[in-house]
Amino acid sequence: MVKRLEESEISVALEELNGMSGDVPWVIEGGKLSKTFKFKSFIRAFGWMSQMAIWAEKLKHHPEWFNVYNKVEVKLVTHDVDGISELDFELAKKMELFK
């Protein structure tokens, strides 16, 4: 069963995640793990979203996201626990690996 992470656990996981993000960091906004990705074109942004949709389905954990042209705004939260869980960080890591 997935559990809601404590603030201290979120801080540690966020630091680790941002160590692999390189450019724009992930942040906590409105109780959600958030980041805006920028790609070279719309087709690259959409292709990345398609790849991430497959991972989201495998994890049974789906992002809140919004796409305009070459940008994808991502917000991750685990609604079942009303907060951020390890699933959010697991999906965020996949997003970083495949950007």
C-alpha atoms as a PDB file:
ATOM      1  CA  MET A   1       0.000   0.000   0.000  1.00  0.00           C
ATOM      2  CA  VAL A   2       1.181   3.477  -0.883  1.00  0.00           C
ATOM      3  CA  LYS A   3       1.647   5.954   1.955  1.00  0.00           C
ATOM      4  CA  ARG A   4       1.791   9.704   2.056  1.00  0.00           C
ATOM      5  CA  LEU A   5       5.362  10.944   2.518  1.00  0.00           C
ATOM      6  CA  GLU A   6       6.303  13.150   5.455  1.00  0.00           C
ATOM      7  CA  GLU A   7       7.846  16.582   4.804  1.00  0.00           C
ATOM      8  CA  SER A   8      11.316  15.311   5.705  1.00  0.00           C
ATOM      9  CA  GLU A   9      10.966  12.367   3.286  1.00  0.00           C
ATOM     10  CA  ILE A  10       9.783  14.718   0.539  1.00  0.00           C
ATOM     11  CA  SER A  11      12.797  17.004   1.099  1.00  0.00           C
ATOM     12  CA  VAL A  12      15.253  14.115   0.775  1.00  0.00           C
ATOM     13  CA  ALA A  13      13.521  12.682  -2.308  1.00  0.00           C
ATOM     14  CA  LEU A  14      13.267  16.134  -3.921  1.00  0.00           C
ATOM     15  CA  GLU A  15      16.987  16.750  -3.434  1.00  0.00           C
ATOM     16  CA  GLU A  16      17.794  13.382  -5.030  1.00  0.00           C
ATOM     17  CA  LEU A  17      15.405  14.036  -7.943  1.00  0.00           C
ATOM     18  CA  ASN A  18      16.826  17.495  -8.571  1.00  0.00           C
ATOM     19  CA  GLY A  19      20.299  15.959  -8.631  1.00  0.00           C
ATOM     20  CA  MET A  20      19.285  14.209 -11.848  1.00  0.00           C
ATOM     21  CA  SER A  21      17.198  17.031 -13.351  1.00  0.00           C
ATOM     22  CA  GLY A  22      20.092  19.236 -14.393  1.00  0.00           C
ATOM     23  CA  ASP A  23      18.275  22.238 -15.796  1.00  0.00           C
ATOM     24  CA  VAL A  24      14.934  23.269 -14.325  1.00  0.00           C
ATOM     25  CA  PRO A  25      14.326  21.891 -10.814  1.00  0.00           C
ATOM     26  CA  TRP A  26      11.250  20.133  -9.540  1.00  0.00           C
ATOM     27  CA  VAL A  27       9.375  22.114  -6.882  1.00  0.00           C
ATOM     28  CA  ILE A  28       6.481  21.578  -4.512  1.00  0.00           C
ATOM     29  CA  GLU A  29       3.602  23.871  -5.513  1.00  0.00           C
ATOM     30  CA  GLY A  30       0.148  23.613  -4.023  1.00  0.00           C
ATOM     31  CA  GLY A  31       1.008  20.280  -2.421  1.00  0.00           C
ATOM     32  CA  LYS A  32       2.082  18.771  -5.759  1.00  0.00           C
ATOM     33  CA  LEU A  33       5.444  17.805  -7.236  1.00  0.00           C
ATOM     34  CA  SER A  34       5.741  20.164 -10.220  1.00  0.00           C
ATOM     35  CA  LYS A  35       7.960  20.968 -13.175  1.00  0.00           C
ATOM     36  CA  THR A  36       7.660  22.483 -16.650  1.00  0.00           C
ATOM     37  CA  PHE A  37       9.588  20.656 -19.372  1.00  0.00           C
ATOM     38  CA  LYS A  38      10.591  22.471 -22.567  1.00  0.00           C
ATOM     39  CA  PHE A  39      11.306  20.622 -25.807  1.00  0.00           C
ATOM     40  CA  LYS A  40      12.622  21.600 -29.246  1.00  0.00           C
ATOM     41  CA  SER A  41       9.219  21.235 -30.888  1.00  0.00           C
ATOM     42  CA  PHE A  42       5.606  20.265 -30.376  1.00  0.00           C
ATOM     43  CA  ILE A  43       6.173  16.800 -31.843  1.00  0.00           C
ATOM     44  CA  ARG A  44       9.003  16.122 -29.371  1.00  0.00           C
ATOM     45  CA  ALA A  45       6.869  17.287 -26.455  1.00  0.00           C
ATOM     46  CA  PHE A  46       3.973  15.132 -27.604  1.00  0.00           C
ATOM     47  CA  GLY A  47       6.250  12.143 -28.243  1.00  0.00           C
ATOM     48  CA  TRP A  48       7.640  12.436 -24.710  1.00  0.00           C
ATOM     49  CA  MET A  49       4.119  12.621 -23.319  1.00  0.00           C
ATOM     50  CA  SER A  50       3.252   9.430 -25.222  1.00  0.00           C
ATOM     51  CA  GLN A  51       6.266   7.644 -23.703  1.00  0.00           C
ATOM     52  CA  MET A  52       5.356   8.875 -20.232  1.00  0.00           C
ATOM     53  CA  ALA A  53       1.749   7.756 -20.686  1.00  0.00           C
ATOM     54  CA  ILE A  54       3.025   4.193 -21.093  1.00  0.00           C
ATOM     55  CA  TRP A  55       5.082   4.442 -17.889  1.00  0.00           C
ATOM     56  CA  ALA A  56       2.166   6.033 -16.046  1.00  0.00           C
ATOM     57  CA  GLU A  57      -0.057   3.154 -17.068  1.00  0.00           C
ATOM     58  CA  LYS A  58       2.549   0.585 -15.951  1.00  0.00           C
ATOM     59  CA  LEU A  59       2.808   2.315 -12.570  1.00  0.00           C
ATOM     60  CA  LYS A  60      -0.976   2.820 -12.411  1.00  0.00           C
ATOM     61  CA  HIS A  61      -0.187   6.406 -11.509  1.00  0.00           C
ATOM     62  CA  HIS A  62      -1.282   9.171 -13.839  1.00  0.00           C
ATOM     63  CA  PRO A  63       0.029  12.737 -14.019  1.00  0.00           C
ATOM     64  CA  GLU A  64      -1.820  15.987 -14.183  1.00  0.00           C
ATOM     65  CA  TRP A  65      -0.271  17.677 -17.189  1.00  0.00           C
ATOM     66  CA  PHE A  66      -0.839  20.452 -19.650  1.00  0.00           C
ATOM     67  CA  ASN A  67       0.787  20.906 -23.056  1.00  0.00           C
ATOM     68  CA  VAL A  68       1.123  24.010 -25.197  1.00  0.00           C
ATOM     69  CA  TYR A  69       3.416  23.826 -28.218  1.00  0.00           C
ATOM     70  CA  ASN A  70       6.861  22.765 -26.891  1.00  0.00           C
ATOM     71  CA  LYS A  71       6.125  22.941 -23.159  1.00  0.00           C
ATOM     72  CA  VAL A  72       4.639  20.331 -20.845  1.00  0.00           C
ATOM     73  CA  GLU A  73       3.620  21.390 -17.344  1.00  0.00           C
ATOM     74  CA  VAL A  74       3.547  18.405 -14.978  1.00  0.00           C
ATOM     75  CA  LYS A  75       1.984  18.131 -11.531  1.00  0.00           C
ATOM     76  CA  LEU A  76       2.234  14.883  -9.574  1.00  0.00           C
ATOM     77  CA  VAL A  77       0.189  13.981  -6.516  1.00  0.00           C
ATOM     78  CA  THR A  78      -1.246  10.755  -5.150  1.00  0.00           C
ATOM     79  CA  HIS A  79      -4.951  11.380  -4.740  1.00  0.00           C
ATOM     80  CA  ASP A  80      -5.457   8.118  -2.790  1.00  0.00           C
ATOM     81  CA  VAL A  81      -3.310   9.473   0.069  1.00  0.00           C
ATOM     82  CA  ASP A  82      -4.159  13.158  -0.436  1.00  0.00           C
ATOM     83  CA  GLY A  83      -0.526  14.102  -0.845  1.00  0.00           C
ATOM     84  CA  ILE A  84       2.824  13.180  -2.332  1.00  0.00           C
ATOM     85  CA  SER A  85       3.944   9.549  -2.277  1.00  0.00           C
ATOM     86  CA  GLU A  86       6.863   7.491  -3.568  1.00  0.00           C
ATOM     87  CA  LEU A  87       4.827   6.883  -6.754  1.00  0.00           C
ATOM     88  CA  ASP A  88       5.105  10.575  -7.594  1.00  0.00           C
ATOM     89  CA  PHE A  89       8.883  10.496  -7.309  1.00  0.00           C
ATOM     90  CA  GLU A  90       9.109   7.227  -9.231  1.00  0.00           C
ATOM     91  CA  LEU A  91       7.187   8.712 -12.166  1.00  0.00           C
ATOM     92  CA  ALA A  92       9.174  11.959 -11.955  1.00  0.00           C
ATOM     93  CA  LYS A  93      12.421   9.965 -12.236  1.00  0.00           C
ATOM     94  CA  LYS A  94      11.128   8.246 -15.371  1.00  0.00           C
ATOM     95  CA  MET A  95      10.272  11.662 -16.785  1.00  0.00           C
ATOM     96  CA  GLU A  96      13.817  12.858 -16.144  1.00  0.00           C
ATOM     97  CA  LEU A  97      15.392   9.761 -17.690  1.00  0.00           C
ATOM     98  CA  PHE A  98      13.431  10.066 -20.929  1.00  0.00           C
ATOM     99  CA  LYS A  99      13.383  13.865 -21.465  1.00  0.00           C
END
